[in-house]
Amino acid sequence: NEEKRIEEKISEVLLRLEFNEDFGELAKKYSEGKFRNRGGDLGFVKKDELSPEIAEVAFSLGVDEVTLTRGIDGFYLFKCVRKRKDTHHLKQIFFKLKVASIDTLRTHKLALKLKEWAESGEDFANLAKKYSDDIETKDNAGYLGEVYLEQLHPLFRDAVKDLDDGEVSDPVKTEFGFHIFKVLSKPEPRIPELDEIKHIVKEFIIQKRTKEKTDELLERILPNFYVETFLKRK
């Protein structure tokens, strides 16, 4: 399938990078992005010039570090060449996810129709029960509960932050499909009590510690892993 095809290409590129092949030459050969002919060279870019879902990862890199992240339309392999105060010199190899365009157009058309129905007075909860493909919220009529904007994916946050009570968002496209949101109510801004955000702080700490432990483990085992792999290939 499509993801398997991309995984195989990514694995090959990462393997070639381990053998110190030039990132720019690999970009010319493997990248499916518009910077391919430039060896994937984006030049110096600001963080807000990148899509929100990939900007955080790309700007967390140190000089000469490489990382892989998934965006809405595919996978991005980034390398940081140089860093300035507000800009980073980045190179990328882009692996595009080829989604059937006719299915995408059909789904988008339905999403627009659902927004139209909701704005014309049809019950949003009933529409969610009937049309939503999200198994986690479908049976609950699409209800997400009370959430802080900071808890939402940047694309979702941008879609709902300026909506008033009762308003419905435009369809938001992600790798999972199209999403529509309705704001039921927006409390006045206030400083939350500790008990209200304890679970958020706890999850943040757990995720941070898990990442640190994972990084430590990878640093310890990856050198040996690659040596063993290469010996077997010979």
Protein backbone atom coordinates (compact mmCIF):
# COMPACT_ATOMS: atom_id res chain seq x y z
CA ASN A 1 0.00 0.00 0.00
CA GLU A 2 0.94 3.67 -0.13
CA GLU A 3 2.35 3.96 3.40
CA LYS A 4 4.43 0.82 2.94
CA ARG A 5 5.89 2.32 -0.25
CA ILE A 6 6.89 5.46 1.62
CA GLU A 7 8.28 3.53 4.60
CA GLU A 8 10.57 1.59 2.25
CA LYS A 9 11.82 4.81 0.63
CA ILE A 10 12.41 6.45 4.01
CA SER A 11 14.31 3.40 5.28
CA GLU A 12 16.55 3.45 2.21
CA VAL A 13 17.30 7.16 2.60
CA LEU A 14 18.08 6.80 6.32
CA LEU A 15 20.38 3.89 5.56
CA ARG A 16 22.23 5.94 2.93
CA LEU A 17 22.58 8.81 5.40
CA GLU A 18 24.16 6.37 7.86
CA PHE A 19 26.76 5.70 5.17
CA ASN A 20 27.39 9.47 5.03
CA GLU A 21 25.81 10.04 1.62
CA ASP A 22 25.12 13.70 0.87
CA PHE A 23 21.70 14.91 2.06
CA GLY A 24 21.29 17.26 -0.91
CA GLU A 25 22.04 14.56 -3.47
CA LEU A 26 19.58 12.23 -1.77
CA ALA A 27 16.96 15.00 -1.88
CA LYS A 28 17.47 15.36 -5.64
CA LYS A 29 16.96 11.63 -6.06
CA TYR A 30 14.17 10.84 -3.59
CA SER A 31 12.29 14.02 -2.67
CA GLU A 32 8.82 14.62 -4.12
CA GLY A 33 8.70 18.26 -3.07
CA LYS A 34 9.14 21.51 -4.97
CA PHE A 35 12.69 22.00 -3.60
CA ARG A 36 13.93 18.74 -5.09
CA ASN A 37 16.05 20.33 -7.84
CA ARG A 38 17.73 22.53 -5.23
CA GLY A 39 18.79 19.51 -3.21
CA GLY A 40 15.92 20.10 -0.80
CA ASP A 41 17.42 23.44 0.26
CA LEU A 42 14.79 25.74 1.82
CA GLY A 43 17.35 28.40 2.72
CA PHE A 44 16.80 30.40 5.92
CA VAL A 45 13.16 30.20 7.02
CA LYS A 46 11.15 31.53 9.95
CA LYS A 47 9.15 29.14 12.10
CA ASP A 48 5.81 30.62 11.04
CA GLU A 49 6.67 30.04 7.37
CA LEU A 50 6.27 26.29 7.92
CA SER A 51 3.05 24.39 8.53
CA PRO A 52 2.31 24.26 12.28
CA GLU A 53 2.39 20.46 12.46
CA ILE A 54 6.00 20.32 11.18
CA ALA A 55 7.43 23.64 12.40
CA GLU A 56 7.95 22.55 16.03
CA VAL A 57 9.91 19.47 15.00
CA ALA A 58 12.01 21.24 12.37
CA PHE A 59 12.96 24.08 14.72
CA SER A 60 13.91 21.72 17.56
CA LEU A 61 16.90 20.45 15.56
CA GLY A 62 20.50 21.26 16.34
CA VAL A 63 22.99 22.00 13.56
CA ASP A 64 23.62 18.92 11.36
CA GLU A 65 20.83 16.98 13.08
CA VAL A 66 18.25 15.10 11.00
CA THR A 67 14.71 14.18 11.97
CA LEU A 68 11.59 12.69 10.41
CA THR A 69 8.08 14.01 10.97
CA ARG A 70 4.67 13.49 9.42
CA GLY A 71 2.68 16.35 7.94
CA ILE A 72 -0.80 16.47 6.48
CA ASP A 73 0.33 15.59 2.99
CA GLY A 74 3.24 13.25 3.65
CA PHE A 75 6.50 12.72 5.54
CA TYR A 76 9.29 15.28 5.91
CA LEU A 77 12.93 14.48 6.59
CA PHE A 78 14.59 17.68 7.82
CA LYS A 79 18.24 18.60 8.28
CA CYS A 80 19.37 21.77 10.04
CA VAL A 81 22.33 23.38 8.27
CA ARG A 82 22.72 26.59 10.25
CA LYS A 83 20.84 28.54 12.93
CA ARG A 84 20.29 32.22 13.51
CA LYS A 85 18.24 33.92 16.19
CA ASP A 86 14.85 33.75 14.45
CA THR A 87 15.60 31.68 11.35
CA HIS A 88 16.99 28.26 10.55
CA HIS A 89 18.69 27.13 7.35
CA LEU A 90 16.90 23.87 6.57
CA LYS A 91 17.02 21.13 3.97
CA GLN A 92 14.21 18.64 3.46
CA ILE A 93 13.37 15.41 1.69
CA PHE A 94 9.62 15.18 1.18
CA PHE A 95 7.78 11.88 0.74
CA LYS A 96 4.30 12.60 -0.59
CA LEU A 97 1.26 10.56 0.41
CA LYS A 98 -0.73 10.01 -2.76
CA VAL A 99 -4.39 9.99 -1.73
CA ALA A 100 -7.01 9.26 -4.38
CA SER A 101 -8.08 12.75 -5.44
CA ILE A 102 -11.63 11.74 -6.30
CA ASP A 103 -12.17 10.38 -2.77
CA THR A 104 -10.72 13.56 -1.27
CA LEU A 105 -13.01 15.77 -3.37
CA ARG A 106 -16.04 13.66 -2.51
CA THR A 107 -15.27 13.80 1.23
CA HIS A 108 -14.64 17.55 1.12
CA LYS A 109 -17.93 18.08 -0.68
CA LEU A 110 -19.76 16.11 2.04
CA ALA A 111 -17.97 18.09 4.76
CA LEU A 112 -19.12 21.37 3.21
CA LYS A 113 -22.65 20.02 2.96
CA LEU A 114 -22.62 18.99 6.64
CA LYS A 115 -21.48 22.48 7.64
CA GLU A 116 -24.30 23.95 5.55
CA TRP A 117 -26.88 21.65 7.17
CA ALA A 118 -25.62 22.45 10.67
CA GLU A 119 -25.76 26.20 10.01
CA SER A 120 -29.27 25.90 8.61
CA GLY A 121 -30.54 24.43 11.87
CA GLU A 122 -30.02 20.66 11.70
CA ASP A 123 -28.87 19.15 14.97
CA PHE A 124 -25.06 18.87 14.99
CA ALA A 125 -25.14 15.91 17.37
CA ASN A 126 -27.39 13.92 15.04
CA LEU A 127 -25.18 14.75 12.06
CA ALA A 128 -22.15 13.51 14.02
CA LYS A 129 -23.88 10.26 14.93
CA LYS A 130 -24.87 9.64 11.33
CA TYR A 131 -21.82 10.78 9.38
CA SER A 132 -18.77 10.84 11.66
CA ASP A 133 -16.06 8.21 11.15
CA ASP A 134 -14.35 8.98 14.46
CA ILE A 135 -15.03 5.88 16.55
CA GLU A 136 -13.98 7.65 19.76
CA THR A 137 -16.63 10.39 19.56
CA LYS A 138 -19.27 9.12 17.09
CA ASP A 139 -21.37 7.31 19.70
CA ASN A 140 -21.15 10.39 21.91
CA ALA A 141 -22.61 12.58 19.16
CA GLY A 142 -19.19 14.06 18.43
CA TYR A 143 -18.92 15.63 21.89
CA LEU A 144 -15.34 16.36 22.96
CA GLY A 145 -16.16 17.90 26.30
CA GLU A 146 -14.55 21.04 27.67
CA VAL A 147 -11.02 21.49 26.33
CA TYR A 148 -8.37 24.18 26.55
CA LEU A 149 -7.28 25.62 23.20
CA GLU A 150 -3.70 24.62 24.03
CA GLN A 151 -4.78 20.97 24.12
CA LEU A 152 -5.91 21.04 20.49
CA HIS A 153 -3.84 20.33 17.40
CA PRO A 154 -2.66 23.68 15.94
CA LEU A 155 -4.88 23.22 12.85
CA PHE A 156 -7.94 22.61 15.03
CA ARG A 157 -7.02 25.49 17.34
CA ASP A 158 -6.82 27.91 14.41
CA ALA A 159 -10.21 26.70 13.15
CA VAL A 160 -12.13 27.30 16.39
CA LYS A 161 -10.32 30.06 18.29
CA ASP A 162 -12.32 32.91 16.68
CA LEU A 163 -15.71 31.15 16.62
CA ASP A 164 -18.55 32.40 18.82
CA ASP A 165 -21.01 30.21 20.73
CA GLY A 166 -23.05 28.06 18.34
CA GLU A 167 -20.85 28.68 15.29
CA VAL A 168 -19.54 25.88 13.08
CA SER A 169 -16.03 25.78 11.65
CA ASP A 170 -15.03 25.31 8.05
CA PRO A 171 -13.81 21.78 7.26
CA VAL A 172 -10.23 21.20 8.46
CA LYS A 173 -8.14 18.75 6.43
CA THR A 174 -5.64 16.43 8.13
CA GLU A 175 -4.07 13.11 7.17
CA PHE A 176 -7.12 11.41 8.73
CA GLY A 177 -9.72 13.26 6.67
CA PHE A 178 -11.88 16.37 7.16
CA HIS A 179 -13.01 17.65 10.56
CA ILE A 180 -15.84 20.04 11.45
CA PHE A 181 -16.25 21.63 14.88
CA LYS A 182 -19.11 23.38 16.63
CA VAL A 183 -18.44 25.62 19.64
CA LEU A 184 -21.10 25.07 22.27
CA SER A 185 -19.83 27.70 24.70
CA LYS A 186 -16.71 29.73 25.43
CA PRO A 187 -16.22 30.68 29.11
CA GLU A 188 -14.61 34.02 29.88
CA PRO A 189 -10.80 33.79 30.04
CA ARG A 190 -9.53 33.10 33.56
CA ILE A 191 -6.60 31.53 35.36
CA PRO A 192 -7.57 27.87 35.92
CA GLU A 193 -7.38 26.19 39.31
CA LEU A 194 -4.58 23.68 39.78
CA ASP A 195 -7.05 20.78 40.07
CA GLU A 196 -8.45 21.64 36.63
CA ILE A 197 -5.12 21.36 34.84
CA LYS A 198 -3.36 18.75 36.98
CA HIS A 199 -4.00 16.00 34.42
CA ILE A 200 -2.61 18.17 31.62
CA VAL A 201 0.56 18.89 33.58
CA LYS A 202 0.87 15.22 34.48
CA GLU A 203 0.56 14.11 30.83
CA PHE A 204 3.14 16.71 29.78
CA ILE A 205 5.63 15.48 32.37
CA ILE A 206 5.03 11.83 31.43
CA GLN A 207 5.49 12.56 27.71
CA LYS A 208 8.66 14.59 28.37
CA ARG A 209 10.19 11.88 30.56
CA THR A 210 9.19 9.14 28.11
CA LYS A 211 10.88 11.03 25.27
CA GLU A 212 14.02 11.53 27.36
CA LYS A 213 14.17 7.82 28.24
CA THR A 214 13.53 6.84 24.61
CA ASP A 215 16.29 9.17 23.40
CA GLU A 216 18.69 7.71 25.96
CA LEU A 217 17.82 4.17 24.90
CA LEU A 218 18.21 4.94 21.19
CA GLU A 219 21.59 6.59 21.77
CA ARG A 220 22.73 3.44 23.56
CA ILE A 221 21.45 0.77 21.15
CA LEU A 222 21.45 2.36 17.67
CA PRO A 223 25.22 2.23 17.10
CA ASN A 224 25.27 -1.47 17.89
CA PHE A 225 22.12 -2.09 15.89
CA TYR A 226 23.55 -0.62 12.72
CA VAL A 227 26.88 -2.41 13.10
CA GLU A 228 25.14 -5.75 13.49
CA THR A 229 22.85 -5.04 10.53
CA PHE A 230 25.68 -4.12 8.21
CA LEU A 231 27.68 -7.21 9.18
CA LYS A 232 24.72 -9.42 8.35
CA ARG A 233 24.27 -7.71 4.98
CA LYS A 234 27.88 -8.53 4.11
